[in-house]
Amino acid sequence: MIADIDIFAKAARWSMEFPEEYFNQRPSTTRSLPWTRVLDRAHQLLKGQSPWKDQKGRVVRGYYSDLDGSVQPVRRHYPCFV
C-alpha cells in the first residue's frame, strides 16, 4: 500500500524537478494533483484506511519494480478478471 502513495510522491517530486515538462503539458488546475493525492492517501493510511483498494473503475495503484526497486504506477480498470 505504501507504493500506492509513493507513486504520487514521485510525480510531485518530478513536477518540481522538471517543471518545464510537467507544467507545459498539464492545465493549471491539475498541477497540485500529485501533492493532493499524496496527502489524502497518507492521511487515510494513518487512520488505517485504504479506500482506493476497493474503488471501482479506473484506479491508479503502485508497485515496486523487482528490477531496480523503483516505484511504478499502474492504472487498471477494476473489477478486472485475470
PDB file of N, CA and C in Angstrom:
ATOM      1  N   MET A   1       0.817  -1.205   0.000  1.00  0.00           N
ATOM      2  CA  MET A   1       0.000   0.000   0.000  1.00  0.00           C
ATOM      3  C   MET A   1       0.854   1.259   0.000  1.00  0.00           C
ATOM      4  N   ILE A   2       2.073   1.163   0.515  1.00  0.00           N
ATOM      5  CA  ILE A   2       2.945   2.330   0.508  1.00  0.00           C
ATOM      6  C   ILE A   2       3.264   2.746  -0.926  1.00  0.00           C
ATOM      7  N   ALA A   3       3.392   1.786  -1.825  1.00  0.00           N
ATOM      8  CA  ALA A   3       3.656   2.109  -3.228  1.00  0.00           C
ATOM      9  C   ALA A   3       2.509   2.912  -3.825  1.00  0.00           C
ATOM     10  N   ASP A   4       1.284   2.681  -3.342  1.00  0.00           N
ATOM     11  CA  ASP A   4       0.121   3.422  -3.830  1.00  0.00           C
ATOM     12  C   ASP A   4       0.214   4.900  -3.475  1.00  0.00           C
ATOM     13  N   ILE A   5       0.959   5.223  -2.440  1.00  0.00           N
ATOM     14  CA  ILE A   5       1.191   6.617  -2.049  1.00  0.00           C
ATOM     15  C   ILE A   5       2.460   7.128  -2.709  1.00  0.00           C
ATOM     16  N   ASP A   6       3.476   6.296  -2.738  1.00  0.00           N
ATOM     17  CA  ASP A   6       4.786   6.697  -3.244  1.00  0.00           C
ATOM     18  C   ASP A   6       4.753   7.094  -4.712  1.00  0.00           C
ATOM     19  N   ILE A   7       3.837   6.531  -5.499  1.00  0.00           N
ATOM     20  CA  ILE A   7       3.767   6.918  -6.916  1.00  0.00           C
ATOM     21  C   ILE A   7       3.394   8.382  -7.069  1.00  0.00           C
ATOM     22  N   PHE A   8       2.510   8.875  -6.193  1.00  0.00           N
ATOM     23  CA  PHE A   8       2.130  10.285  -6.270  1.00  0.00           C
ATOM     24  C   PHE A   8       3.222  11.179  -5.701  1.00  0.00           C
ATOM     25  N   ALA A   9       3.957  10.692  -4.702  1.00  0.00           N
ATOM     26  CA  ALA A   9       5.099  11.448  -4.182  1.00  0.00           C
ATOM     27  C   ALA A   9       6.162  11.592  -5.264  1.00  0.00           C
ATOM     28  N   LYS A  10       6.389  10.518  -6.029  1.00  0.00           N
ATOM     29  CA  LYS A  10       7.347  10.561  -7.132  1.00  0.00           C
ATOM     30  C   LYS A  10       6.898  11.571  -8.188  1.00  0.00           C
ATOM     31  N   ALA A  11       5.617  11.566  -8.525  1.00  0.00           N
ATOM     32  CA  ALA A  11       5.090  12.520  -9.501  1.00  0.00           C
ATOM     33  C   ALA A  11       5.242  13.955  -8.997  1.00  0.00           C
ATOM     34  N   ALA A  12       5.004  14.165  -7.712  1.00  0.00           N
ATOM     35  CA  ALA A  12       5.147  15.506  -7.139  1.00  0.00           C
ATOM     36  C   ALA A  12       6.607  15.959  -7.175  1.00  0.00           C
ATOM     37  N   ARG A  13       7.527  15.053  -6.829  1.00  0.00           N
ATOM     38  CA  ARG A  13       8.956  15.395  -6.886  1.00  0.00           C
ATOM     39  C   ARG A  13       9.377  15.720  -8.316  1.00  0.00           C
ATOM     40  N   TRP A  14       8.932  14.922  -9.264  1.00  0.00           N
ATOM     41  CA  TRP A  14       9.306  15.162 -10.657  1.00  0.00           C
ATOM     42  C   TRP A  14       8.700  16.460 -11.174  1.00  0.00           C
ATOM     43  N   SER A  15       7.502  16.820 -10.713  1.00  0.00           N
ATOM     44  CA  SER A  15       6.901  18.078 -11.161  1.00  0.00           C
ATOM     45  C   SER A  15       7.720  19.274 -10.705  1.00  0.00           C
ATOM     46  N   MET A  16       8.412  19.130  -9.576  1.00  0.00           N
ATOM     47  CA  MET A  16       9.286  20.213  -9.106  1.00  0.00           C
ATOM     48  C   MET A  16      10.644  20.152  -9.801  1.00  0.00           C
ATOM     49  N   GLU A  17      11.144  18.965 -10.057  1.00  0.00           N
ATOM     50  CA  GLU A  17      12.455  18.807 -10.673  1.00  0.00           C
ATOM     51  C   GLU A  17      12.433  19.140 -12.162  1.00  0.00           C
ATOM     52  N   PHE A  18      11.335  18.841 -12.831  1.00  0.00           N
ATOM     53  CA  PHE A  18      11.210  19.076 -14.264  1.00  0.00           C
ATOM     54  C   PHE A  18       9.950  19.887 -14.574  1.00  0.00           C
ATOM     55  N   PRO A  19       9.847  21.108 -14.055  1.00  0.00           N
ATOM     56  CA  PRO A  19       8.606  21.878 -14.232  1.00  0.00           C
ATOM     57  C   PRO A  19       8.296  22.200 -15.687  1.00  0.00           C
ATOM     58  N   GLU A  20       9.341  22.353 -16.510  1.00  0.00           N
ATOM     59  CA  GLU A  20       9.105  22.697 -17.907  1.00  0.00           C
ATOM     60  C   GLU A  20       8.380  21.584 -18.649  1.00  0.00           C
ATOM     61  N   GLU A  21       8.602  20.344 -18.260  1.00  0.00           N
ATOM     62  CA  GLU A  21       7.921  19.233 -18.909  1.00  0.00           C
ATOM     63  C   GLU A  21       6.567  18.963 -18.290  1.00  0.00           C
ATOM     64  N   TYR A  22       6.487  19.085 -16.993  1.00  0.00           N
ATOM     65  CA  TYR A  22       5.247  18.748 -16.296  1.00  0.00           C
ATOM     66  C   TYR A  22       4.184  19.823 -16.500  1.00  0.00           C
ATOM     67  N   PHE A  23       4.536  21.071 -16.256  1.00  0.00           N
ATOM     68  CA  PHE A  23       3.535  22.138 -16.278  1.00  0.00           C
ATOM     69  C   PHE A  23       3.110  22.538 -17.676  1.00  0.00           C
ATOM     70  N   ASN A  24       3.945  22.358 -18.667  1.00  0.00           N
ATOM     71  CA  ASN A  24       3.551  22.706 -20.025  1.00  0.00           C
ATOM     72  C   ASN A  24       2.514  21.746 -20.589  1.00  0.00           C
ATOM     73  N   GLN A  25       2.449  20.555 -20.048  1.00  0.00           N
ATOM     74  CA  GLN A  25       1.525  19.562 -20.576  1.00  0.00           C
ATOM     75  C   GLN A  25       0.245  19.431 -19.761  1.00  0.00           C
ATOM     76  N   ARG A  26       0.172  20.100 -18.637  1.00  0.00           N
ATOM     77  CA  ARG A  26      -0.983  19.948 -17.758  1.00  0.00           C
ATOM     78  C   ARG A  26      -1.658  21.306 -17.538  1.00  0.00           C
ATOM     79  N   PRO A  27      -2.977  21.326 -17.519  1.00  0.00           N
ATOM     80  CA  PRO A  27      -3.653  22.575 -17.162  1.00  0.00           C
ATOM     81  C   PRO A  27      -3.353  22.937 -15.710  1.00  0.00           C
ATOM     82  N   SER A  28      -3.431  24.206 -15.409  1.00  0.00           N
ATOM     83  CA  SER A  28      -3.050  24.684 -14.069  1.00  0.00           C
ATOM     84  C   SER A  28      -3.880  24.053 -12.958  1.00  0.00           C
ATOM     85  N   THR A  29      -5.083  23.616 -13.246  1.00  0.00           N
ATOM     86  CA  THR A  29      -5.928  23.025 -12.203  1.00  0.00           C
ATOM     87  C   THR A  29      -5.424  21.666 -11.741  1.00  0.00           C
ATOM     88  N   THR A  30      -4.596  20.991 -12.534  1.00  0.00           N
ATOM     89  CA  THR A  30      -4.114  19.668 -12.136  1.00  0.00           C
ATOM     90  C   THR A  30      -2.676  19.689 -11.627  1.00  0.00           C
ATOM     91  N   ARG A  31      -2.068  20.848 -11.543  1.00  0.00           N
ATOM     92  CA  ARG A  31      -0.674  20.928 -11.100  1.00  0.00           C
ATOM     93  C   ARG A  31      -0.483  20.426  -9.684  1.00  0.00           C
ATOM     94  N   SER A  32      -1.440  20.662  -8.822  1.00  0.00           N
ATOM     95  CA  SER A  32      -1.297  20.255  -7.427  1.00  0.00           C
ATOM     96  C   SER A  32      -1.857  18.857  -7.165  1.00  0.00           C
ATOM     97  N   LEU A  33      -2.361  18.194  -8.182  1.00  0.00           N
ATOM     98  CA  LEU A  33      -2.978  16.881  -8.006  1.00  0.00           C
ATOM     99  C   LEU A  33      -2.059  15.858  -7.339  1.00  0.00           C
ATOM    100  N   PRO A  34      -0.786  15.706  -7.754  1.00  0.00           N
ATOM    101  CA  PRO A  34       0.052  14.714  -7.058  1.00  0.00           C
ATOM    102  C   PRO A  34       0.196  15.005  -5.565  1.00  0.00           C
ATOM    103  N   TRP A  35       0.394  16.272  -5.203  1.00  0.00           N
ATOM    104  CA  TRP A  35       0.526  16.619  -3.783  1.00  0.00           C
ATOM    105  C   TRP A  35      -0.753  16.312  -3.034  1.00  0.00           C
ATOM    106  N   THR A  36      -1.889  16.609  -3.639  1.00  0.00           N
ATOM    107  CA  THR A  36      -3.178  16.341  -3.007  1.00  0.00           C
ATOM    108  C   THR A  36      -3.358  14.843  -2.777  1.00  0.00           C
ATOM    109  N   ARG A  37      -3.032  14.039  -3.772  1.00  0.00           N
ATOM    110  CA  ARG A  37      -3.183  12.591  -3.639  1.00  0.00           C
ATOM    111  C   ARG A  37      -2.242  12.019  -2.582  1.00  0.00           C
ATOM    112  N   VAL A  38      -0.999  12.524  -2.536  1.00  0.00           N
ATOM    113  CA  VAL A  38      -0.054  12.055  -1.524  1.00  0.00           C
ATOM    114  C   VAL A  38      -0.629  12.292  -0.138  1.00  0.00           C
ATOM    115  N   LEU A  39      -1.066  13.516   0.114  1.00  0.00           N
ATOM    116  CA  LEU A  39      -1.584  13.861   1.440  1.00  0.00           C
ATOM    117  C   LEU A  39      -2.864  13.104   1.770  1.00  0.00           C
ATOM    118  N   ASP A  40      -3.768  13.020   0.803  1.00  0.00           N
ATOM    119  CA  ASP A  40      -5.031  12.308   1.046  1.00  0.00           C
ATOM    120  C   ASP A  40      -4.789  10.842   1.382  1.00  0.00           C
ATOM    121  N   ARG A  41      -4.005  10.186   0.550  1.00  0.00           N
ATOM    122  CA  ARG A  41      -3.772   8.756   0.787  1.00  0.00           C
ATOM    123  C   ARG A  41      -2.964   8.524   2.055  1.00  0.00           C
ATOM    124  N   ALA A  42      -1.995   9.379   2.341  1.00  0.00           N
ATOM    125  CA  ALA A  42      -1.195   9.220   3.562  1.00  0.00           C
ATOM    126  C   ALA A  42      -2.059   9.394   4.808  1.00  0.00           C
ATOM    127  N   HIS A  43      -2.924  10.395   4.816  1.00  0.00           N
ATOM    128  CA  HIS A  43      -3.827  10.599   5.958  1.00  0.00           C
ATOM    129  C   HIS A  43      -4.768   9.409   6.130  1.00  0.00           C
ATOM    130  N   GLN A  44      -5.292   8.905   5.031  1.00  0.00           N
ATOM    131  CA  GLN A  44      -6.184   7.751   5.108  1.00  0.00           C
ATOM    132  C   GLN A  44      -5.449   6.526   5.640  1.00  0.00           C
ATOM    133  N   LEU A  45      -4.234   6.320   5.182  1.00  0.00           N
ATOM    134  CA  LEU A  45      -3.464   5.163   5.633  1.00  0.00           C
ATOM    135  C   LEU A  45      -3.116   5.277   7.119  1.00  0.00           C
ATOM    136  N   LEU A  46      -2.822   6.486   7.578  1.00  0.00           N
ATOM    137  CA  LEU A  46      -2.550   6.692   9.004  1.00  0.00           C
ATOM    138  C   LEU A  46      -3.762   6.349   9.868  1.00  0.00           C
ATOM    139  N   LYS A  47      -4.940   6.523   9.312  1.00  0.00           N
ATOM    140  CA  LYS A  47      -6.181   6.180  10.019  1.00  0.00           C
ATOM    141  C   LYS A  47      -6.529   4.703   9.862  1.00  0.00           C
ATOM    142  N   GLY A  48      -5.669   3.953   9.160  1.00  0.00           N
ATOM    143  CA  GLY A  48      -5.935   2.539   8.943  1.00  0.00           C
ATOM    144  C   GLY A  48      -6.893   2.278   7.800  1.00  0.00           C
ATOM    145  N   GLN A  49      -7.071   3.272   6.947  1.00  0.00           N
ATOM    146  CA  GLN A  49      -7.997   3.144   5.817  1.00  0.00           C
ATOM    147  C   GLN A  49      -7.217   3.123   4.504  1.00  0.00           C
ATOM    148  N   SER A  50      -7.750   2.448   3.540  1.00  0.00           N
ATOM    149  CA  SER A  50      -7.197   2.467   2.180  1.00  0.00           C
ATOM    150  C   SER A  50      -8.342   2.248   1.189  1.00  0.00           C
ATOM    151  N   PRO A  51      -9.242   3.247   1.079  1.00  0.00           N
ATOM    152  CA  PRO A  51     -10.439   3.079   0.244  1.00  0.00           C
ATOM    153  C   PRO A  51     -10.144   2.876  -1.234  1.00  0.00           C
ATOM    154  N   TRP A  52      -8.976   3.290  -1.705  1.00  0.00           N
ATOM    155  CA  TRP A  52      -8.648   3.087  -3.113  1.00  0.00           C
ATOM    156  C   TRP A  52      -8.497   1.609  -3.455  1.00  0.00           C
ATOM    157  N   LYS A  53      -8.255   0.766  -2.445  1.00  0.00           N
ATOM    158  CA  LYS A  53      -8.136  -0.672  -2.702  1.00  0.00           C
ATOM    159  C   LYS A  53      -9.464  -1.274  -3.142  1.00  0.00           C
ATOM    160  N   ASP A  54     -10.565  -0.718  -2.675  1.00  0.00           N
ATOM    161  CA  ASP A  54     -11.894  -1.245  -3.006  1.00  0.00           C
ATOM    162  C   ASP A  54     -12.615  -0.393  -4.042  1.00  0.00           C
ATOM    163  N   GLN A  55     -11.951   0.623  -4.548  1.00  0.00           N
ATOM    164  CA  GLN A  55     -12.554   1.534  -5.508  1.00  0.00           C
ATOM    165  C   GLN A  55     -12.835   0.813  -6.815  1.00  0.00           C
ATOM    166  N   LYS A  56     -13.940   1.115  -7.425  1.00  0.00           N
ATOM    167  CA  LYS A  56     -14.310   0.529  -8.717  1.00  0.00           C
ATOM    168  C   LYS A  56     -13.967   1.508  -9.828  1.00  0.00           C
ATOM    169  N   GLY A  57     -13.822   0.992 -11.028  1.00  0.00           N
ATOM    170  CA  GLY A  57     -13.486   1.825 -12.177  1.00  0.00           C
ATOM    171  C   GLY A  57     -11.987   1.935 -12.359  1.00  0.00           C
ATOM    172  N   ARG A  58     -11.532   3.024 -12.972  1.00  0.00           N
ATOM    173  CA  ARG A  58     -10.100   3.226 -13.195  1.00  0.00           C
ATOM    174  C   ARG A  58      -9.439   3.674 -11.902  1.00  0.00           C
ATOM    175  N   VAL A  59      -8.446   2.934 -11.488  1.00  0.00           N
ATOM    176  CA  VAL A  59      -7.757   3.203 -10.227  1.00  0.00           C
ATOM    177  C   VAL A  59      -6.256   3.211 -10.473  1.00  0.00           C
ATOM    178  N   VAL A  60      -5.581   4.205  -9.929  1.00  0.00           N
ATOM    179  CA  VAL A  60      -4.129   4.270 -10.021  1.00  0.00           C
ATOM    180  C   VAL A  60      -3.550   3.639  -8.766  1.00  0.00           C
ATOM    181  N   ARG A  61      -2.732   2.640  -8.964  1.00  0.00           N
ATOM    182  CA  ARG A  61      -2.050   1.958  -7.868  1.00  0.00           C
ATOM    183  C   ARG A  61      -0.563   1.984  -8.177  1.00  0.00           C
ATOM    184  N   GLY A  62       0.231   1.464  -7.277  1.00  0.00           N
ATOM    185  CA  GLY A  62       1.666   1.445  -7.487  1.00  0.00           C
ATOM    186  C   GLY A  62       2.256   0.109  -7.079  1.00  0.00           C
ATOM    187  N   TYR A  63       3.446  -0.147  -7.570  1.00  0.00           N
ATOM    188  CA  TYR A  63       4.188  -1.337  -7.171  1.00  0.00           C
ATOM    189  C   TYR A  63       5.672  -1.003  -7.264  1.00  0.00           C
ATOM    190  N   TYR A  64       6.475  -1.774  -6.557  1.00  0.00           N
ATOM    191  CA  TYR A  64       7.922  -1.595  -6.620  1.00  0.00           C
ATOM    192  C   TYR A  64       8.502  -2.614  -7.596  1.00  0.00           C
ATOM    193  N   SER A  65       9.285  -2.118  -8.520  1.00  0.00           N
ATOM    194  CA  SER A  65       9.882  -2.954  -9.554  1.00  0.00           C
ATOM    195  C   SER A  65      10.854  -3.956  -8.952  1.00  0.00           C
ATOM    196  N   ASP A  66      10.738  -5.198  -9.384  1.00  0.00           N
ATOM    197  CA  ASP A  66      11.708  -6.219  -8.981  1.00  0.00           C
ATOM    198  C   ASP A  66      13.068  -5.965  -9.619  1.00  0.00           C
ATOM    199  N   LEU A  67      13.081  -5.251 -10.727  1.00  0.00           N
ATOM    200  CA  LEU A  67      14.315  -4.999 -11.460  1.00  0.00           C
ATOM    201  C   LEU A  67      15.231  -4.019 -10.728  1.00  0.00           C
ATOM    202  N   ASP A  68      14.682  -2.853 -10.332  1.00  0.00           N
ATOM    203  CA  ASP A  68      15.534  -1.842  -9.711  1.00  0.00           C
ATOM    204  C   ASP A  68      14.962  -1.252  -8.423  1.00  0.00           C
ATOM    205  N   GLY A  69      13.803  -1.732  -8.000  1.00  0.00           N
ATOM    206  CA  GLY A  69      13.212  -1.258  -6.753  1.00  0.00           C
ATOM    207  C   GLY A  69      12.485   0.070  -6.853  1.00  0.00           C
ATOM    208  N   SER A  70      12.435   0.648  -8.042  1.00  0.00           N
ATOM    209  CA  SER A  70      11.755   1.932  -8.202  1.00  0.00           C
ATOM    210  C   SER A  70      10.244   1.730  -8.165  1.00  0.00           C
ATOM    211  N   VAL A  71       9.554   2.770  -7.711  1.00  0.00           N
ATOM    212  CA  VAL A  71       8.098   2.702  -7.671  1.00  0.00           C
ATOM    213  C   VAL A  71       7.565   2.976  -9.076  1.00  0.00           C
ATOM    214  N   GLN A  72       6.570   2.205  -9.477  1.00  0.00           N
ATOM    215  CA  GLN A  72       5.992   2.327 -10.813  1.00  0.00           C
ATOM    216  C   GLN A  72       4.473   2.416 -10.705  1.00  0.00           C
ATOM    217  N   PRO A  73       3.865   3.302 -11.485  1.00  0.00           N
ATOM    218  CA  PRO A  73       2.406   3.378 -11.469  1.00  0.00           C
ATOM    219  C   PRO A  73       1.786   2.315 -12.358  1.00  0.00           C
ATOM    220  N   VAL A  74       0.609   1.920 -12.005  1.00  0.00           N
ATOM    221  CA  VAL A  74      -0.179   1.038 -12.852  1.00  0.00           C
ATOM    222  C   VAL A  74      -1.630   1.499 -12.720  1.00  0.00           C
ATOM    223  N   ARG A  75      -2.270   1.674 -13.846  1.00  0.00           N
ATOM    224  CA  ARG A  75      -3.674   2.103 -13.841  1.00  0.00           C
ATOM    225  C   ARG A  75      -4.494   0.986 -14.428  1.00  0.00           C
ATOM    226  N   ARG A  76      -5.417   0.503 -13.639  1.00  0.00           N
ATOM    227  CA  ARG A  76      -6.242  -0.621 -14.069  1.00  0.00           C
ATOM    228  C   ARG A  76      -7.699  -0.267 -13.921  1.00  0.00           C
ATOM    229  N   HIS A  77      -8.475  -0.997 -14.618  1.00  0.00           N
ATOM    230  CA  HIS A  77      -9.924  -0.834 -14.515  1.00  0.00           C
ATOM    231  C   HIS A  77     -10.447  -1.975 -13.648  1.00  0.00           C
ATOM    232  N   TYR A  78     -10.966  -1.644 -12.484  1.00  0.00           N
ATOM    233  CA  TYR A  78     -11.470  -2.652 -11.556  1.00  0.00           C
ATOM    234  C   TYR A  78     -12.976  -2.716 -11.647  1.00  0.00           C
ATOM    235  N   PRO A  79     -13.628  -3.832 -11.572  1.00  0.00           N
ATOM    236  CA  PRO A  79     -13.013  -5.134 -11.385  1.00  0.00           C
ATOM    237  C   PRO A  79     -12.366  -5.614 -12.664  1.00  0.00           C
ATOM    238  N   CYS A  80     -11.253  -6.276 -12.513  1.00  0.00           N
ATOM    239  CA  CYS A  80     -10.582  -6.848 -13.674  1.00  0.00           C
ATOM    240  C   CYS A  80     -10.532  -8.364 -13.468  1.00  0.00           C
ATOM    241  N   PHE A  81     -10.543  -9.058 -14.542  1.00  0.00           N
ATOM    242  CA  PHE A  81     -10.531 -10.515 -14.471  1.00  0.00           C
ATOM    243  C   PHE A  81      -9.232 -11.000 -15.088  1.00  0.00           C
ATOM    244  N   VAL A  82      -8.468 -11.724 -14.301  1.00  0.00           N
ATOM    245  CA  VAL A  82      -7.165 -12.218 -14.774  1.00  0.00           C
ATOM    246  C   VAL A  82      -7.235 -13.702 -14.961  1.00  0.00           C
TER     247      VAL A  82
END
